[in-house]
Amino acid sequence: MAQISKCEDQLVELGANNDFLHNEMASSKNTDHVDYLKDLFNKTEMRKHHLSKDITNLECLDAECPVCFSPIEENYKETLLSDKRSKYEELGKNILSMKGMLDEIITEHNRKLHIQRNIEGNTKFIETILDKIEKLSTNSPKNLDNQRLVLEIKELREKLITLENDKRSMYREKESLQVLDTMLCDNGVKKNIIKKYLPYLNQRVNIYLQHFDFPIKLELDELFDETITLNGRETNGYKGFSEGEKLRIDLSLLFSLRDLAKEKNCVSTNLLIMDEMDFSLDSVGLRSLMDILLMGKGTISTFVITHKAEMKNEFSEEFDEILTVEKTSSGFSEIILI
């Protein structure tokens, strides 16, 4: 029938239009955070307004505090004003930057809403046409075939909508992962965090190297590439040292990272377990290691697991208890308290 053919042509046209709109939606930027940005922008403007009032009040302030009536030095007043004016200017720059970003996101958000409304309108129109085809098919000689075709079109249309929704969800996830990748890459947030703590870490590493009586200076950069100098001359780096010297560097880094976690992240533990960390150290290195461990005696419970006889023979008095583990003839290990 001509009417059914015309309806089918409309379905094809509406389906193609919806496909285009779904692609537009899927490839558009994520604007889910538009409300958060609006709230942040308003709060920033409010902070700027309050700062403006504070500056005006300070400028009109006499030489006496209006609350406690204490005298206010002119230098102190100027310092406060300078600090607040600086913050006011910084907030002004941030607001201009945020406004440009917010306007762009709002425009994109409104465009997506318009696209979504068009998709919903097309989908309702498609349902109306499908119903019309179904009614027209009841008067057709090919009634059963047409009804079967209508049902197939409905099922395919529902599958298409589901796939398009999945596609949009995957695009959003891809965009989120790209943001995370940018943040967590070597040049992202991690680099700035490491850069902030590097001076402290480098300082602690070189202090521990001095405890090991190892006359080198080690500096790490944001990518943890090392620069090692000996008597003012740059060396070939970590790989150029002997195994015993490498272990001194490793232990210095280990203790330094432990100090960093304690000082900067409020992560502290009174337990330290060292499993065969002394395997390449000579007697001087072992003495230096023991001196470092003894610095925490009384506050840290230290367990040293070792195969070195020197640790038991030369430093037995440094430990509260010594346990030896020996394998018996039965194949089981036996723990002996010395």
C-alpha atoms as a PDB file:
ATOM      1  CA  MET A   1       0.000   0.000   0.000  1.00  0.00           C
ATOM      2  CA  ALA A   2       1.128   3.537  -0.778  1.00  0.00           C
ATOM      3  CA  GLN A   3       0.405   4.739   2.769  1.00  0.00           C
ATOM      4  CA  ILE A   4       2.525   1.986   4.331  1.00  0.00           C
ATOM      5  CA  SER A   5       5.341   2.693   1.871  1.00  0.00           C
ATOM      6  CA  LYS A   6       5.203   6.385   2.749  1.00  0.00           C
ATOM      7  CA  CYS A   7       5.322   5.545   6.484  1.00  0.00           C
ATOM      8  CA  GLU A   8       8.321   3.289   5.926  1.00  0.00           C
ATOM      9  CA  ASP A   9      10.116   6.106   4.099  1.00  0.00           C
ATOM     10  CA  GLN A  10       9.411   8.359   7.093  1.00  0.00           C
ATOM     11  CA  LEU A  11      10.835   5.694   9.419  1.00  0.00           C
ATOM     12  CA  VAL A  12      14.050   5.535   7.401  1.00  0.00           C
ATOM     13  CA  GLU A  13      14.377   9.323   7.432  1.00  0.00           C
ATOM     14  CA  LEU A  14      13.652   9.603  11.180  1.00  0.00           C
ATOM     15  CA  GLY A  15      16.009   6.697  11.946  1.00  0.00           C
ATOM     16  CA  ALA A  16      18.842   8.334  10.007  1.00  0.00           C
ATOM     17  CA  ASN A  17      18.181  11.637  11.758  1.00  0.00           C
ATOM     18  CA  ASN A  18      18.208   9.946  15.158  1.00  0.00           C
ATOM     19  CA  ASP A  19      21.450   8.148  14.291  1.00  0.00           C
ATOM     20  CA  PHE A  20      23.039  11.473  13.433  1.00  0.00           C
ATOM     21  CA  LEU A  21      21.752  13.053  16.672  1.00  0.00           C
ATOM     22  CA  HIS A  22      22.998  10.112  18.761  1.00  0.00           C
ATOM     23  CA  ASN A  23      26.444  10.462  17.190  1.00  0.00           C
ATOM     24  CA  GLU A  24      26.417  14.171  17.955  1.00  0.00           C
ATOM     25  CA  MET A  25      25.496  13.421  21.567  1.00  0.00           C
ATOM     26  CA  ALA A  26      28.120  10.706  21.926  1.00  0.00           C
ATOM     27  CA  SER A  27      30.940  12.863  20.554  1.00  0.00           C
ATOM     28  CA  SER A  28      30.041  15.954  22.600  1.00  0.00           C
ATOM     29  CA  LYS A  29      31.944  17.013  25.709  1.00  0.00           C
ATOM     30  CA  ASN A  30      30.910  15.834  29.160  1.00  0.00           C
ATOM     31  CA  THR A  31      28.841  18.553  30.847  1.00  0.00           C
ATOM     32  CA  ASP A  32      27.589  16.600  33.873  1.00  0.00           C
ATOM     33  CA  HIS A  33      29.609  18.892  36.162  1.00  0.00           C
ATOM     34  CA  VAL A  34      27.978  22.119  34.930  1.00  0.00           C
ATOM     35  CA  ASP A  35      25.984  22.596  38.174  1.00  0.00           C
ATOM     36  CA  TYR A  36      29.124  22.097  40.282  1.00  0.00           C
ATOM     37  CA  LEU A  37      30.989  24.704  38.184  1.00  0.00           C
ATOM     38  CA  LYS A  38      28.106  27.168  38.517  1.00  0.00           C
ATOM     39  CA  ASP A  39      28.143  26.747  42.305  1.00  0.00           C
ATOM     40  CA  LEU A  40      31.940  27.112  42.422  1.00  0.00           C
ATOM     41  CA  PHE A  41      31.781  30.245  40.251  1.00  0.00           C
ATOM     42  CA  ASN A  42      29.131  31.825  42.513  1.00  0.00           C
ATOM     43  CA  LYS A  43      31.137  31.004  45.651  1.00  0.00           C
ATOM     44  CA  THR A  44      34.282  32.510  44.106  1.00  0.00           C
ATOM     45  CA  GLU A  45      32.399  35.701  43.228  1.00  0.00           C
ATOM     46  CA  MET A  46      31.062  35.828  46.797  1.00  0.00           C
ATOM     47  CA  ARG A  47      34.604  35.468  48.191  1.00  0.00           C
ATOM     48  CA  LYS A  48      35.733  38.324  45.963  1.00  0.00           C
ATOM     49  CA  HIS A  49      32.818  40.452  47.200  1.00  0.00           C
ATOM     50  CA  HIS A  50      33.719  39.748  50.848  1.00  0.00           C
ATOM     51  CA  LEU A  51      37.366  40.556  50.170  1.00  0.00           C
ATOM     52  CA  SER A  52      36.321  43.870  48.617  1.00  0.00           C
ATOM     53  CA  LYS A  53      34.388  44.746  51.767  1.00  0.00           C
ATOM     54  CA  ASP A  54      37.356  43.721  53.964  1.00  0.00           C
ATOM     55  CA  ILE A  55      39.698  45.939  51.945  1.00  0.00           C
ATOM     56  CA  THR A  56      37.312  48.905  52.187  1.00  0.00           C
ATOM     57  CA  ASN A  57      36.928  48.409  55.960  1.00  0.00           C
ATOM     58  CA  LEU A  58      40.696  48.137  56.426  1.00  0.00           C
ATOM     59  CA  GLU A  59      41.334  51.286  54.403  1.00  0.00           C
ATOM     60  CA  CYS A  60      38.873  53.206  56.598  1.00  0.00           C
ATOM     61  CA  LEU A  61      40.219  51.681  59.800  1.00  0.00           C
ATOM     62  CA  ASP A  62      41.733  54.088  62.316  1.00  0.00           C
ATOM     63  CA  ALA A  63      44.803  53.372  64.380  1.00  0.00           C
ATOM     64  CA  GLU A  64      42.717  51.408  66.875  1.00  0.00           C
ATOM     65  CA  CYS A  65      40.990  48.015  66.564  1.00  0.00           C
ATOM     66  CA  PRO A  66      37.191  48.526  66.762  1.00  0.00           C
ATOM     67  CA  VAL A  67      36.753  45.187  68.586  1.00  0.00           C
ATOM     68  CA  CYS A  68      39.455  45.050  71.255  1.00  0.00           C
ATOM     69  CA  PHE A  69      40.545  48.741  71.025  1.00  0.00           C
ATOM     70  CA  SER A  70      44.191  47.700  70.776  1.00  0.00           C
ATOM     71  CA  PRO A  71      46.491  49.978  68.761  1.00  0.00           C
ATOM     72  CA  ILE A  72      47.135  48.904  65.167  1.00  0.00           C
ATOM     73  CA  GLU A  73      50.542  49.556  63.697  1.00  0.00           C
ATOM     74  CA  GLU A  74      50.525  51.124  60.250  1.00  0.00           C
ATOM     75  CA  ASN A  75      52.979  48.524  58.891  1.00  0.00           C
ATOM     76  CA  TYR A  76      50.737  45.680  60.047  1.00  0.00           C
ATOM     77  CA  LYS A  77      47.708  47.353  58.432  1.00  0.00           C
ATOM     78  CA  GLU A  78      49.571  47.789  55.137  1.00  0.00           C
ATOM     79  CA  THR A  79      50.688  44.134  55.245  1.00  0.00           C
ATOM     80  CA  LEU A  80      47.083  42.995  55.689  1.00  0.00           C
ATOM     81  CA  LEU A  81      45.911  45.292  52.892  1.00  0.00           C
ATOM     82  CA  SER A  82      48.640  44.120  50.538  1.00  0.00           C
ATOM     83  CA  ASP A  83      47.785  40.467  51.228  1.00  0.00           C
ATOM     84  CA  LYS A  84      44.039  41.001  50.677  1.00  0.00           C
ATOM     85  CA  ARG A  85      44.553  43.096  47.539  1.00  0.00           C
ATOM     86  CA  SER A  86      46.784  40.379  46.125  1.00  0.00           C
ATOM     87  CA  LYS A  87      44.140  37.752  46.820  1.00  0.00           C
ATOM     88  CA  TYR A  88      41.471  40.047  45.348  1.00  0.00           C
ATOM     89  CA  GLU A  89      43.414  40.406  42.086  1.00  0.00           C
ATOM     90  CA  GLU A  90      44.070  36.668  41.947  1.00  0.00           C
ATOM     91  CA  LEU A  91      40.371  35.932  42.465  1.00  0.00           C
ATOM     92  CA  GLY A  92      39.521  38.403  39.696  1.00  0.00           C
ATOM     93  CA  LYS A  93      41.784  36.533  37.267  1.00  0.00           C
ATOM     94  CA  ASN A  94      40.328  33.183  38.353  1.00  0.00           C
ATOM     95  CA  ILE A  95      36.775  34.482  37.852  1.00  0.00           C
ATOM     96  CA  LEU A  96      37.557  35.651  34.309  1.00  0.00           C
ATOM     97  CA  SER A  97      39.078  32.271  33.485  1.00  0.00           C
ATOM     98  CA  MET A  98      36.201  30.377  35.106  1.00  0.00           C
ATOM     99  CA  LYS A  99      33.602  32.519  33.310  1.00  0.00           C
ATOM    100  CA  GLY A 100      35.018  31.688  29.893  1.00  0.00           C
ATOM    101  CA  MET A 101      35.100  27.998  30.778  1.00  0.00           C
ATOM    102  CA  LEU A 102      31.610  28.099  32.308  1.00  0.00           C
ATOM    103  CA  ASP A 103      30.097  29.917  29.289  1.00  0.00           C
ATOM    104  CA  GLU A 104      31.560  27.290  26.979  1.00  0.00           C
ATOM    105  CA  ILE A 105      30.245  24.406  29.083  1.00  0.00           C
ATOM    106  CA  ILE A 106      26.786  25.986  29.476  1.00  0.00           C
ATOM    107  CA  THR A 107      26.554  26.469  25.689  1.00  0.00           C
ATOM    108  CA  GLU A 108      27.544  22.849  25.136  1.00  0.00           C
ATOM    109  CA  HIS A 109      25.127  21.679  27.850  1.00  0.00           C
ATOM    110  CA  ASN A 110      22.211  23.581  26.255  1.00  0.00           C
ATOM    111  CA  ARG A 111      23.128  22.140  22.846  1.00  0.00           C
ATOM    112  CA  LYS A 112      23.033  18.625  24.308  1.00  0.00           C
ATOM    113  CA  LEU A 113      19.645  19.294  25.910  1.00  0.00           C
ATOM    114  CA  HIS A 114      18.340  20.476  22.521  1.00  0.00           C
ATOM    115  CA  ILE A 115      19.690  17.346  20.828  1.00  0.00           C
ATOM    116  CA  GLN A 116      18.145  15.140  23.530  1.00  0.00           C
ATOM    117  CA  ARG A 117      14.743  16.801  23.066  1.00  0.00           C
ATOM    118  CA  ASN A 118      14.968  16.216  19.293  1.00  0.00           C
ATOM    119  CA  ILE A 119      15.872  12.554  19.864  1.00  0.00           C
ATOM    120  CA  GLU A 120      12.922  12.103  22.222  1.00  0.00           C
ATOM    121  CA  GLY A 121      10.592  13.842  19.724  1.00  0.00           C
ATOM    122  CA  ASN A 122      11.806  11.653  16.868  1.00  0.00           C
ATOM    123  CA  THR A 123      11.451   8.512  18.974  1.00  0.00           C
ATOM    124  CA  LYS A 124       7.820   9.358  19.849  1.00  0.00           C
ATOM    125  CA  PHE A 125       7.099  10.097  16.178  1.00  0.00           C
ATOM    126  CA  ILE A 126       8.661   6.735  15.213  1.00  0.00           C
ATOM    127  CA  GLU A 127       6.383   4.968  17.690  1.00  0.00           C
ATOM    128  CA  THR A 128       3.375   6.798  16.231  1.00  0.00           C
ATOM    129  CA  ILE A 129       4.309   5.767  12.673  1.00  0.00           C
ATOM    130  CA  LEU A 130       4.868   2.155  13.756  1.00  0.00           C
ATOM    131  CA  ASP A 131       1.409   2.086  15.306  1.00  0.00           C
ATOM    132  CA  LYS A 132      -0.021   3.585  12.107  1.00  0.00           C
ATOM    133  CA  ILE A 133       1.702   0.918   9.995  1.00  0.00           C
ATOM    134  CA  GLU A 134       0.340  -1.760  12.271  1.00  0.00           C
ATOM    135  CA  LYS A 135      -3.222  -0.455  11.863  1.00  0.00           C
ATOM    136  CA  LEU A 136      -2.858  -0.092   8.105  1.00  0.00           C
ATOM    137  CA  SER A 137      -1.476  -3.618   7.878  1.00  0.00           C
ATOM    138  CA  THR A 138      -4.722  -5.110   9.245  1.00  0.00           C
ATOM    139  CA  ASN A 139      -6.459  -4.112   5.994  1.00  0.00           C
ATOM    140  CA  SER A 140      -3.695  -5.414   3.754  1.00  0.00           C
ATOM    141  CA  PRO A 141      -3.756  -8.791   1.983  1.00  0.00           C
ATOM    142  CA  LYS A 142      -0.256  -9.368   3.339  1.00  0.00           C
ATOM    143  CA  ASN A 143      -1.445  -8.818   6.869  1.00  0.00           C
ATOM    144  CA  LEU A 144       0.736 -11.396   8.613  1.00  0.00           C
ATOM    145  CA  ASP A 145       3.917 -10.455   6.746  1.00  0.00           C
ATOM    146  CA  ASN A 146       3.415  -6.748   7.458  1.00  0.00           C
ATOM    147  CA  GLN A 147       2.699  -7.334  11.140  1.00  0.00           C
ATOM    148  CA  ARG A 148       5.837  -9.458  11.399  1.00  0.00           C
ATOM    149  CA  LEU A 149       7.808  -6.692   9.668  1.00  0.00           C
ATOM    150  CA  VAL A 150       6.435  -4.073  12.087  1.00  0.00           C
ATOM    151  CA  LEU A 151       7.433  -6.192  15.071  1.00  0.00           C
ATOM    152  CA  GLU A 152      10.947  -6.676  13.663  1.00  0.00           C
ATOM    153  CA  ILE A 153      11.299  -2.932  13.080  1.00  0.00           C
ATOM    154  CA  LYS A 154      10.201  -2.247  16.664  1.00  0.00           C
ATOM    155  CA  GLU A 155      12.671  -4.773  18.060  1.00  0.00           C
ATOM    156  CA  LEU A 156      15.511  -3.415  15.934  1.00  0.00           C
ATOM    157  CA  ARG A 157      14.653   0.163  16.911  1.00  0.00           C
ATOM    158  CA  GLU A 158      14.718  -0.803  20.632  1.00  0.00           C
ATOM    159  CA  LYS A 159      18.063  -2.557  20.167  1.00  0.00           C
ATOM    160  CA  LEU A 160      19.407   0.498  18.357  1.00  0.00           C
ATOM    161  CA  ILE A 161      18.350   2.802  21.200  1.00  0.00           C
ATOM    162  CA  THR A 162      20.009   0.449  23.724  1.00  0.00           C
ATOM    163  CA  LEU A 163      23.213   0.342  21.676  1.00  0.00           C
ATOM    164  CA  GLU A 164      23.237   4.128  21.296  1.00  0.00           C
ATOM    165  CA  ASN A 165      22.853   4.527  25.069  1.00  0.00           C
ATOM    166  CA  ASP A 166      25.723   2.092  25.612  1.00  0.00           C
ATOM    167  CA  LYS A 167      27.769   4.019  23.064  1.00  0.00           C
ATOM    168  CA  ARG A 168      27.179   7.325  24.882  1.00  0.00           C
ATOM    169  CA  SER A 169      28.065   5.701  28.183  1.00  0.00           C
ATOM    170  CA  MET A 170      31.310   4.343  26.713  1.00  0.00           C
ATOM    171  CA  TYR A 171      32.188   7.763  25.254  1.00  0.00           C
ATOM    172  CA  ARG A 172      31.705   9.337  28.697  1.00  0.00           C
ATOM    173  CA  GLU A 173      33.835   6.639  30.286  1.00  0.00           C
ATOM    174  CA  LYS A 174      36.504   7.143  27.617  1.00  0.00           C
ATOM    175  CA  GLU A 175      36.525  10.885  28.309  1.00  0.00           C
ATOM    176  CA  SER A 176      36.848  10.280  32.060  1.00  0.00           C
ATOM    177  CA  LEU A 177      39.708   7.833  31.501  1.00  0.00           C
ATOM    178  CA  GLN A 178      41.479  10.341  29.246  1.00  0.00           C
ATOM    179  CA  VAL A 179      41.222  12.964  32.015  1.00  0.00           C
ATOM    180  CA  LEU A 180      42.590  10.451  34.541  1.00  0.00           C
ATOM    181  CA  ASP A 181      45.381   9.492  32.157  1.00  0.00           C
ATOM    182  CA  THR A 182      46.344  13.156  31.804  1.00  0.00           C
ATOM    183  CA  MET A 183      46.259  13.645  35.576  1.00  0.00           C
ATOM    184  CA  LEU A 184      48.174  10.479  36.464  1.00  0.00           C
ATOM    185  CA  CYS A 185      50.804  10.506  33.728  1.00  0.00           C
ATOM    186  CA  ASP A 186      54.407  11.388  34.525  1.00  0.00           C
ATOM    187  CA  ASN A 187      53.813  15.044  33.617  1.00  0.00           C
ATOM    188  CA  GLY A 188      50.476  15.347  35.440  1.00  0.00           C
ATOM    189  CA  VAL A 189      49.470  15.662  39.085  1.00  0.00           C
ATOM    190  CA  LYS A 190      52.028  13.058  40.121  1.00  0.00           C
ATOM    191  CA  LYS A 191      54.874  15.239  38.841  1.00  0.00           C
ATOM    192  CA  ASN A 192      53.673  18.247  40.857  1.00  0.00           C
ATOM    193  CA  ILE A 193      53.260  16.175  44.021  1.00  0.00           C
ATOM    194  CA  ILE A 194      56.698  14.615  43.625  1.00  0.00           C
ATOM    195  CA  LYS A 195      58.219  18.025  42.881  1.00  0.00           C
ATOM    196  CA  LYS A 196      56.739  19.371  46.119  1.00  0.00           C
ATOM    197  CA  TYR A 197      58.286  16.632  48.259  1.00  0.00           C
ATOM    198  CA  LEU A 198      61.567  16.148  46.366  1.00  0.00           C
ATOM    199  CA  PRO A 199      63.627  18.648  48.428  1.00  0.00           C
ATOM    200  CA  TYR A 200      62.740  16.836  51.652  1.00  0.00           C
ATOM    201  CA  LEU A 201      63.352  13.404  50.107  1.00  0.00           C
ATOM    202  CA  ASN A 202      66.738  14.411  48.659  1.00  0.00           C
ATOM    203  CA  GLN A 203      67.749  15.907  51.978  1.00  0.00           C
ATOM    204  CA  ARG A 204      66.874  12.733  53.914  1.00  0.00           C
ATOM    205  CA  VAL A 205      68.588  10.459  51.366  1.00  0.00           C
ATOM    206  CA  ASN A 206      71.881  12.327  51.697  1.00  0.00           C
ATOM    207  CA  ILE A 207      71.649  12.320  55.500  1.00  0.00           C
ATOM    208  CA  TYR A 208      71.352   8.521  55.479  1.00  0.00           C
ATOM    209  CA  LEU A 209      74.188   8.235  52.951  1.00  0.00           C
ATOM    210  CA  GLN A 210      76.343  10.142  55.463  1.00  0.00           C
ATOM    211  CA  HIS A 211      75.315   7.638  58.164  1.00  0.00           C
ATOM    212  CA  PHE A 212      76.583   4.886  55.852  1.00  0.00           C
ATOM    213  CA  ASP A 213      79.839   6.854  55.468  1.00  0.00           C
ATOM    214  CA  PHE A 214      79.285   6.925  51.703  1.00  0.00           C
ATOM    215  CA  PRO A 215      80.710  10.235  50.374  1.00  0.00           C
ATOM    216  CA  ILE A 216      78.344  10.767  47.444  1.00  0.00           C
ATOM    217  CA  LYS A 217      75.551  13.268  46.812  1.00  0.00           C
ATOM    218  CA  LEU A 218      72.351  11.947  45.254  1.00  0.00           C
ATOM    219  CA  GLU A 219      69.658  14.151  43.668  1.00  0.00           C
ATOM    220  CA  LEU A 220      66.382  12.834  42.234  1.00  0.00           C
ATOM    221  CA  ASP A 221      64.284  14.773  39.712  1.00  0.00           C
ATOM    222  CA  GLU A 222      60.494  14.690  39.110  1.00  0.00           C
ATOM    223  CA  LEU A 223      60.824  11.494  37.027  1.00  0.00           C
ATOM    224  CA  PHE A 224      63.035   9.863  39.704  1.00  0.00           C
ATOM    225  CA  ASP A 225      66.062   9.978  37.434  1.00  0.00           C
ATOM    226  CA  GLU A 226      69.128  10.227  39.626  1.00  0.00           C
ATOM    227  CA  THR A 227      72.184  12.456  39.460  1.00  0.00           C
ATOM    228  CA  ILE A 228      75.030  11.176  41.644  1.00  0.00           C
ATOM    229  CA  THR A 229      78.200  13.149  42.262  1.00  0.00           C
ATOM    230  CA  LEU A 230      81.359  12.002  44.050  1.00  0.00           C
ATOM    231  CA  ASN A 231      83.765  14.664  45.280  1.00  0.00           C
ATOM    232  CA  GLY A 232      82.023  17.201  43.042  1.00  0.00           C
ATOM    233  CA  ARG A 233      82.281  15.054  39.914  1.00  0.00           C
ATOM    234  CA  GLU A 234      79.289  13.456  38.243  1.00  0.00           C
ATOM    235  CA  THR A 235      79.418   9.642  38.208  1.00  0.00           C
ATOM    236  CA  ASN A 236      77.995   7.107  35.766  1.00  0.00           C
ATOM    237  CA  GLY A 237      74.941   6.797  37.974  1.00  0.00           C
ATOM    238  CA  TYR A 238      73.517   4.028  40.115  1.00  0.00           C
ATOM    239  CA  LYS A 239      74.627   1.203  37.801  1.00  0.00           C
ATOM    240  CA  GLY A 240      78.261   2.235  38.112  1.00  0.00           C
ATOM    241  CA  PHE A 241      78.530   1.251  41.792  1.00  0.00           C
ATOM    242  CA  SER A 242      79.263  -2.100  43.413  1.00  0.00           C
ATOM    243  CA  GLU A 243      76.487  -4.222  44.917  1.00  0.00           C
ATOM    244  CA  GLY A 244      77.415  -3.109  48.434  1.00  0.00           C
ATOM    245  CA  GLU A 245      77.351   0.553  47.408  1.00  0.00           C
ATOM    246  CA  LYS A 246      74.041   0.068  45.600  1.00  0.00           C
ATOM    247  CA  LEU A 247      72.578  -1.441  48.757  1.00  0.00           C
ATOM    248  CA  ARG A 248      73.666   1.598  50.773  1.00  0.00           C
ATOM    249  CA  ILE A 249      71.793   3.801  48.259  1.00  0.00           C
ATOM    250  CA  ASP A 250      68.752   1.475  48.347  1.00  0.00           C
ATOM    251  CA  LEU A 251      68.599   1.529  52.140  1.00  0.00           C
ATOM    252  CA  SER A 252      69.006   5.302  52.219  1.00  0.00           C
ATOM    253  CA  LEU A 253      66.076   5.665  49.829  1.00  0.00           C
ATOM    254  CA  LEU A 254      64.037   3.161  51.839  1.00  0.00           C
ATOM    255  CA  PHE A 255      64.526   4.995  55.123  1.00  0.00           C
ATOM    256  CA  SER A 256      63.944   8.366  53.419  1.00  0.00           C
ATOM    257  CA  LEU A 257      60.631   7.277  51.869  1.00  0.00           C
ATOM    258  CA  ARG A 258      59.581   5.960  55.271  1.00  0.00           C
ATOM    259  CA  ASP A 259      60.383   9.341  56.833  1.00  0.00           C
ATOM    260  CA  LEU A 260      58.491  11.114  54.025  1.00  0.00           C
ATOM    261  CA  ALA A 261      55.378   8.994  54.617  1.00  0.00           C
ATOM    262  CA  LYS A 262      55.559   9.750  58.318  1.00  0.00           C
ATOM    263  CA  GLU A 263      56.179  13.506  58.036  1.00  0.00           C
ATOM    264  CA  LYS A 264      54.093  14.502  55.021  1.00  0.00           C
ATOM    265  CA  ASN A 265      51.180  12.056  55.010  1.00  0.00           C
ATOM    266  CA  CYS A 266      50.713  11.429  58.723  1.00  0.00           C
ATOM    267  CA  VAL A 267      51.394   7.720  58.088  1.00  0.00           C
ATOM    268  CA  SER A 268      53.472   6.312  60.891  1.00  0.00           C
ATOM    269  CA  THR A 269      54.006   2.798  62.180  1.00  0.00           C
ATOM    270  CA  ASN A 270      56.057   1.450  65.050  1.00  0.00           C
ATOM    271  CA  LEU A 271      56.912  -1.729  63.146  1.00  0.00           C
ATOM    272  CA  LEU A 272      59.889  -2.221  60.808  1.00  0.00           C
ATOM    273  CA  ILE A 273      60.682  -5.619  59.262  1.00  0.00           C
ATOM    274  CA  MET A 274      63.871  -6.018  57.226  1.00  0.00           C
ATOM    275  CA  ASP A 275      64.182  -9.293  55.334  1.00  0.00           C
ATOM    276  CA  GLU A 276      67.774  -9.970  54.219  1.00  0.00           C
ATOM    277  CA  MET A 277      68.439  -6.299  53.445  1.00  0.00           C
ATOM    278  CA  ASP A 278      72.032  -6.693  54.671  1.00  0.00           C
ATOM    279  CA  PHE A 279      73.256  -9.339  52.217  1.00  0.00           C
ATOM    280  CA  SER A 280      75.823  -7.137  50.400  1.00  0.00           C
ATOM    281  CA  LEU A 281      77.039  -5.058  53.348  1.00  0.00           C
ATOM    282  CA  ASP A 282      80.521  -5.424  54.822  1.00  0.00           C
ATOM    283  CA  SER A 283      81.227  -5.051  58.545  1.00  0.00           C
ATOM    284  CA  VAL A 284      81.393  -1.221  58.277  1.00  0.00           C
ATOM    285  CA  GLY A 285      78.092  -1.139  56.397  1.00  0.00           C
ATOM    286  CA  LEU A 286      76.484  -3.455  58.961  1.00  0.00           C
ATOM    287  CA  ARG A 287      77.624  -1.184  61.775  1.00  0.00           C
ATOM    288  CA  SER A 288      76.157   1.836  59.996  1.00  0.00           C
ATOM    289  CA  LEU A 289      72.880  -0.029  59.432  1.00  0.00           C
ATOM    290  CA  MET A 290      72.707  -0.949  63.109  1.00  0.00           C
ATOM    291  CA  ASP A 291      73.339   2.676  64.126  1.00  0.00           C
ATOM    292  CA  ILE A 292      70.403   3.793  61.952  1.00  0.00           C
ATOM    293  CA  LEU A 293      68.133   1.099  63.381  1.00  0.00           C
ATOM    294  CA  LEU A 294      69.145   1.975  66.930  1.00  0.00           C
ATOM    295  CA  MET A 295      68.032   5.574  66.361  1.00  0.00           C
ATOM    296  CA  GLY A 296      64.468   4.292  66.543  1.00  0.00           C
ATOM    297  CA  LYS A 297      64.998   2.014  69.515  1.00  0.00           C
ATOM    298  CA  GLY A 298      62.280   2.437  72.118  1.00  0.00           C
ATOM    299  CA  THR A 299      59.763   3.792  69.604  1.00  0.00           C
ATOM    300  CA  ILE A 300      60.036   1.254  66.768  1.00  0.00           C
ATOM    301  CA  SER A 301      59.863  -2.550  66.994  1.00  0.00           C
ATOM    302  CA  THR A 302      62.445  -3.743  64.493  1.00  0.00           C
ATOM    303  CA  PHE A 303      62.704  -7.310  63.161  1.00  0.00           C
ATOM    304  CA  VAL A 304      65.821  -8.187  61.146  1.00  0.00           C
ATOM    305  CA  ILE A 305      65.771 -11.448  59.172  1.00  0.00           C
ATOM    306  CA  THR A 306      69.266 -12.419  58.038  1.00  0.00           C
ATOM    307  CA  HIS A 307      71.584 -15.275  57.082  1.00  0.00           C
ATOM    308  CA  LYS A 308      74.679 -13.283  58.050  1.00  0.00           C
ATOM    309  CA  ALA A 309      76.515 -14.780  61.009  1.00  0.00           C
ATOM    310  CA  GLU A 310      78.053 -11.352  61.765  1.00  0.00           C
ATOM    311  CA  MET A 311      74.658  -9.987  62.753  1.00  0.00           C
ATOM    312  CA  LYS A 312      74.314 -12.649  65.432  1.00  0.00           C
ATOM    313  CA  ASN A 313      77.952 -12.703  66.542  1.00  0.00           C
ATOM    314  CA  GLU A 314      78.858  -8.993  66.522  1.00  0.00           C
ATOM    315  CA  PHE A 315      75.524  -7.294  67.224  1.00  0.00           C
ATOM    316  CA  SER A 316      73.730  -9.772  69.494  1.00  0.00           C
ATOM    317  CA  GLU A 317      73.752  -7.284  72.378  1.00  0.00           C
ATOM    318  CA  GLU A 318      71.912  -4.721  70.256  1.00  0.00           C
ATOM    319  CA  PHE A 319      68.803  -6.928  70.029  1.00  0.00           C
ATOM    320  CA  ASP A 320      66.371  -7.774  72.814  1.00  0.00           C
ATOM    321  CA  GLU A 321      65.848 -11.302  71.483  1.00  0.00           C
ATOM    322  CA  ILE A 322      67.471 -13.518  68.879  1.00  0.00           C
ATOM    323  CA  LEU A 323      65.598 -16.383  67.237  1.00  0.00           C
ATOM    324  CA  THR A 324      67.282 -18.944  65.014  1.00  0.00           C
ATOM    325  CA  VAL A 325      65.394 -21.098  62.563  1.00  0.00           C
ATOM    326  CA  GLU A 326      66.940 -24.467  61.737  1.00  0.00           C
ATOM    327  CA  LYS A 327      65.603 -27.259  59.553  1.00  0.00           C
ATOM    328  CA  THR A 328      65.529 -30.605  61.375  1.00  0.00           C
ATOM    329  CA  SER A 329      66.090 -34.055  59.898  1.00  0.00           C
ATOM    330  CA  SER A 330      62.310 -34.492  59.694  1.00  0.00           C
ATOM    331  CA  GLY A 331      62.134 -31.653  57.160  1.00  0.00           C
ATOM    332  CA  PHE A 332      60.383 -29.203  59.480  1.00  0.00           C
ATOM    333  CA  SER A 333      61.887 -25.909  60.642  1.00  0.00           C
ATOM    334  CA  GLU A 334      62.504 -25.412  64.358  1.00  0.00           C
ATOM    335  CA  ILE A 335      62.622 -22.016  66.084  1.00  0.00           C
ATOM    336  CA  ILE A 336      65.186 -21.670  68.881  1.00  0.00           C
ATOM    337  CA  LEU A 337      65.325 -18.698  71.274  1.00  0.00           C
ATOM    338  CA  ILE A 338      68.919 -17.768  72.113  1.00  0.00           C
END
